[in-house]
Amino acid sequence: MRLNRSHWLGALILGSTLFVTTAASAADEPAPGAGQPWRARMMARFQQQLGLTDTQMQAIQAVHANHAAAQKQLRQSLRQAQGDLRQLALNGGDPAAIQAKSAEVGQLLSQGVSMRVQTMQEISPILTPDQRAKLAQMGPGMGWRHHPKGAQAPAS
C-alpha cells in the first residue's frame, strides 16, 4: 500500500512539473520561444537535469502540444471561476452561490489533476526508468519559480 502511495505521489509531483511546463508551452506566442527567453532556458535546464536526448524532448513537446488547447481553456475557466468566487466572497454573495462556485472551482482543479495525470502517462514511455525517478525527485514547478514575474500570464 505504501509503495502504491509513493507511486501516486511521484505521479502528482511529475504532473505538477509537467503542468507548469505545459502552461509555458501553451502561451499565445507567434513562434516557439519568441519573446520568452526564460522558457527556452527552463526547457534546456529540464533537458539537462534529466539527461534527455533531443528526440525525447521533441516527443515530450509534442505531447504537450497535443494538450495545449484543452489546458489553456481549463486555465482560463479556472481563472474566471476563481475570480467570480473571489467577488462573491468579498461582496457578501449568497451562501448558496458561493458554495456552488466553490464546487465549480474544485471540479476545475480536479480536471487539471486528471489532465496532468494523462499527460504523465503519455510521457512516461518516452523516459527511461532513471529519468522517471529523477523527474519524480525534482518536485513540482521545477525551474518555473526562476522566471521573471512579468513573463507570467496576466490574471483575469
Foldseek 3Di string as FASTA:
>chain_A
DVVVVLVVLLLLQLLLALLLLLLLQLDDDPDVCVPPVLNVVQLVVLCVQLVHDPVLSVQLSVLSVVCSVVSVVLVQVLLVLVVVLVCCVVVVHDPVVNVVSVVVNVVSVVVSSVVSSVSCVSSVVSGDPSSSVSSSVCGGPNSVVPGDPVSDDDGD
